[in-house]
């Protein structure tokens, strides 16, 4: 069963570039796990409460999502993620 997600990402203050750099590094791994980046949008922020980026992701199945989340190359960048991303929210969408 297809898994569709919407990820909202908030940077730490002054870390917009670092957030984008981290995402540039991990998003190409999606395809190896049956995932697709449907959309990657930058928000015109009017407040710090607004996320910087919104992603819509699609995976063939839950196993693909699990594989992406546990990919050693992605996990090796965890320190970069922690430094760049203050908050994230992932919403599961109806497929």
C-alpha atoms as a PDB file:
ATOM      1  CA  UNK A   1       0.000   0.000   0.000  1.00  0.00           C
ATOM      2  CA  UNK A   2       1.325   3.427  -0.973  1.00  0.00           C
ATOM      3  CA  UNK A   3       2.488   5.700   1.854  1.00  0.00           C
ATOM      4  CA  UNK A   4       2.152   9.469   1.311  1.00  0.00           C
ATOM      5  CA  UNK A   5       3.621  11.978   3.734  1.00  0.00           C
ATOM      6  CA  UNK A   6       3.780  15.725   4.137  1.00  0.00           C
ATOM      7  CA  UNK A   7       6.842  16.924   6.073  1.00  0.00           C
ATOM      8  CA  UNK A   8       7.026  20.436   7.504  1.00  0.00           C
ATOM      9  CA  UNK A   9      10.494  21.645   8.505  1.00  0.00           C
ATOM     10  CA  UNK A  10      11.519  24.571  10.715  1.00  0.00           C
ATOM     11  CA  UNK A  11      15.182  25.649  10.885  1.00  0.00           C
ATOM     12  CA  UNK A  12      17.050  26.809  13.927  1.00  0.00           C
ATOM     13  CA  UNK A  13      17.479  30.601  13.852  1.00  0.00           C
ATOM     14  CA  UNK A  14      19.890  31.544  11.086  1.00  0.00           C
ATOM     15  CA  UNK A  15      20.176  27.951   9.795  1.00  0.00           C
ATOM     16  CA  UNK A  16      18.056  28.126   6.635  1.00  0.00           C
ATOM     17  CA  UNK A  17      21.024  27.264   4.409  1.00  0.00           C
ATOM     18  CA  UNK A  18      22.034  24.343   6.625  1.00  0.00           C
ATOM     19  CA  UNK A  19      18.497  22.929   6.531  1.00  0.00           C
ATOM     20  CA  UNK A  20      18.484  23.087   2.737  1.00  0.00           C
ATOM     21  CA  UNK A  21      21.961  21.535   2.552  1.00  0.00           C
ATOM     22  CA  UNK A  22      20.881  18.637   4.785  1.00  0.00           C
ATOM     23  CA  UNK A  23      17.752  18.032   2.719  1.00  0.00           C
ATOM     24  CA  UNK A  24      19.790  18.229  -0.501  1.00  0.00           C
ATOM     25  CA  UNK A  25      21.933  15.402   0.890  1.00  0.00           C
ATOM     26  CA  UNK A  26      19.186  13.050   2.097  1.00  0.00           C
ATOM     27  CA  UNK A  27      16.375  13.475  -0.404  1.00  0.00           C
ATOM     28  CA  UNK A  28      18.266  11.747  -3.274  1.00  0.00           C
ATOM     29  CA  UNK A  29      18.225   8.563  -1.148  1.00  0.00           C
ATOM     30  CA  UNK A  30      14.448   8.314  -1.548  1.00  0.00           C
ATOM     31  CA  UNK A  31      14.552   6.601  -4.931  1.00  0.00           C
ATOM     32  CA  UNK A  32      16.669   3.731  -3.604  1.00  0.00           C
ATOM     33  CA  UNK A  33      13.834   2.929  -1.192  1.00  0.00           C
ATOM     34  CA  UNK A  34      10.957   3.186  -3.627  1.00  0.00           C
ATOM     35  CA  UNK A  35      10.288   6.781  -2.660  1.00  0.00           C
ATOM     36  CA  UNK A  36       9.487   9.837  -4.724  1.00  0.00           C
ATOM     37  CA  UNK A  37       9.758  13.500  -3.871  1.00  0.00           C
ATOM     38  CA  UNK A  38       6.401  14.720  -5.146  1.00  0.00           C
ATOM     39  CA  UNK A  39       6.954  18.335  -4.075  1.00  0.00           C
ATOM     40  CA  UNK A  40       9.552  20.399  -2.252  1.00  0.00           C
ATOM     41  CA  UNK A  41       8.329  23.890  -1.568  1.00  0.00           C
ATOM     42  CA  UNK A  42       9.896  26.854   0.207  1.00  0.00           C
ATOM     43  CA  UNK A  43       7.464  28.808   2.340  1.00  0.00           C
ATOM     44  CA  UNK A  44       7.336  32.596   2.235  1.00  0.00           C
ATOM     45  CA  UNK A  45       7.623  32.935   5.988  1.00  0.00           C
ATOM     46  CA  UNK A  46       5.657  35.702   7.649  1.00  0.00           C
ATOM     47  CA  UNK A  47       6.478  34.473  11.140  1.00  0.00           C
ATOM     48  CA  UNK A  48       8.930  32.102  12.855  1.00  0.00           C
ATOM     49  CA  UNK A  49       5.900  29.870  13.420  1.00  0.00           C
ATOM     50  CA  UNK A  50       5.871  29.109   9.679  1.00  0.00           C
ATOM     51  CA  UNK A  51       7.981  26.205   8.420  1.00  0.00           C
ATOM     52  CA  UNK A  52      10.749  26.941   5.931  1.00  0.00           C
ATOM     53  CA  UNK A  53      10.146  23.910   3.713  1.00  0.00           C
ATOM     54  CA  UNK A  54       7.259  21.589   2.990  1.00  0.00           C
ATOM     55  CA  UNK A  55       7.843  18.224   1.308  1.00  0.00           C
ATOM     56  CA  UNK A  56       5.344  15.756  -0.075  1.00  0.00           C
ATOM     57  CA  UNK A  57       6.837  12.269  -0.259  1.00  0.00           C
ATOM     58  CA  UNK A  58       5.447   9.027  -1.601  1.00  0.00           C
ATOM     59  CA  UNK A  59       6.690   5.481  -0.969  1.00  0.00           C
ATOM     60  CA  UNK A  60       5.541   2.266  -2.615  1.00  0.00           C
ATOM     61  CA  UNK A  61       4.969   0.781   0.821  1.00  0.00           C
ATOM     62  CA  UNK A  62       5.805   1.017   4.515  1.00  0.00           C
ATOM     63  CA  UNK A  63       8.927  -1.103   4.032  1.00  0.00           C
ATOM     64  CA  UNK A  64      10.322   1.547   1.673  1.00  0.00           C
ATOM     65  CA  UNK A  65       9.708   4.301   4.220  1.00  0.00           C
ATOM     66  CA  UNK A  66      11.287   2.202   6.953  1.00  0.00           C
ATOM     67  CA  UNK A  67      14.309   1.549   4.735  1.00  0.00           C
ATOM     68  CA  UNK A  68      14.738   5.262   4.053  1.00  0.00           C
ATOM     69  CA  UNK A  69      14.466   6.165   7.732  1.00  0.00           C
ATOM     70  CA  UNK A  70      17.091   3.591   8.696  1.00  0.00           C
ATOM     71  CA  UNK A  71      19.436   4.116   5.734  1.00  0.00           C
ATOM     72  CA  UNK A  72      22.971   4.298   7.207  1.00  0.00           C
ATOM     73  CA  UNK A  73      23.893   7.209   4.918  1.00  0.00           C
ATOM     74  CA  UNK A  74      20.936   9.207   6.203  1.00  0.00           C
ATOM     75  CA  UNK A  75      21.696   8.297   9.814  1.00  0.00           C
ATOM     76  CA  UNK A  76      25.326   9.353   9.334  1.00  0.00           C
ATOM     77  CA  UNK A  77      24.034  12.899   8.748  1.00  0.00           C
ATOM     78  CA  UNK A  78      22.063  13.008  12.000  1.00  0.00           C
ATOM     79  CA  UNK A  79      24.368  15.621  13.545  1.00  0.00           C
ATOM     80  CA  UNK A  80      23.773  17.876  10.542  1.00  0.00           C
ATOM     81  CA  UNK A  81      20.030  17.412  10.939  1.00  0.00           C
ATOM     82  CA  UNK A  82      20.140  18.270  14.639  1.00  0.00           C
ATOM     83  CA  UNK A  83      22.169  21.433  13.976  1.00  0.00           C
ATOM     84  CA  UNK A  84      19.896  22.610  11.162  1.00  0.00           C
ATOM     85  CA  UNK A  85      16.353  21.546  12.002  1.00  0.00           C
ATOM     86  CA  UNK A  86      14.687  22.912  15.109  1.00  0.00           C
ATOM     87  CA  UNK A  87      11.360  21.198  14.522  1.00  0.00           C
ATOM     88  CA  UNK A  88       9.677  18.902  12.075  1.00  0.00           C
ATOM     89  CA  UNK A  89       6.160  17.606  11.702  1.00  0.00           C
ATOM     90  CA  UNK A  90       5.251  14.674   9.492  1.00  0.00           C
ATOM     91  CA  UNK A  91       1.663  14.122   8.454  1.00  0.00           C
ATOM     92  CA  UNK A  92       0.450  10.908   6.843  1.00  0.00           C
ATOM     93  CA  UNK A  93      -1.749  11.704   3.857  1.00  0.00           C
ATOM     94  CA  UNK A  94      -4.518   9.625   2.402  1.00  0.00           C
ATOM     95  CA  UNK A  95      -3.172   7.750  -0.599  1.00  0.00           C
END
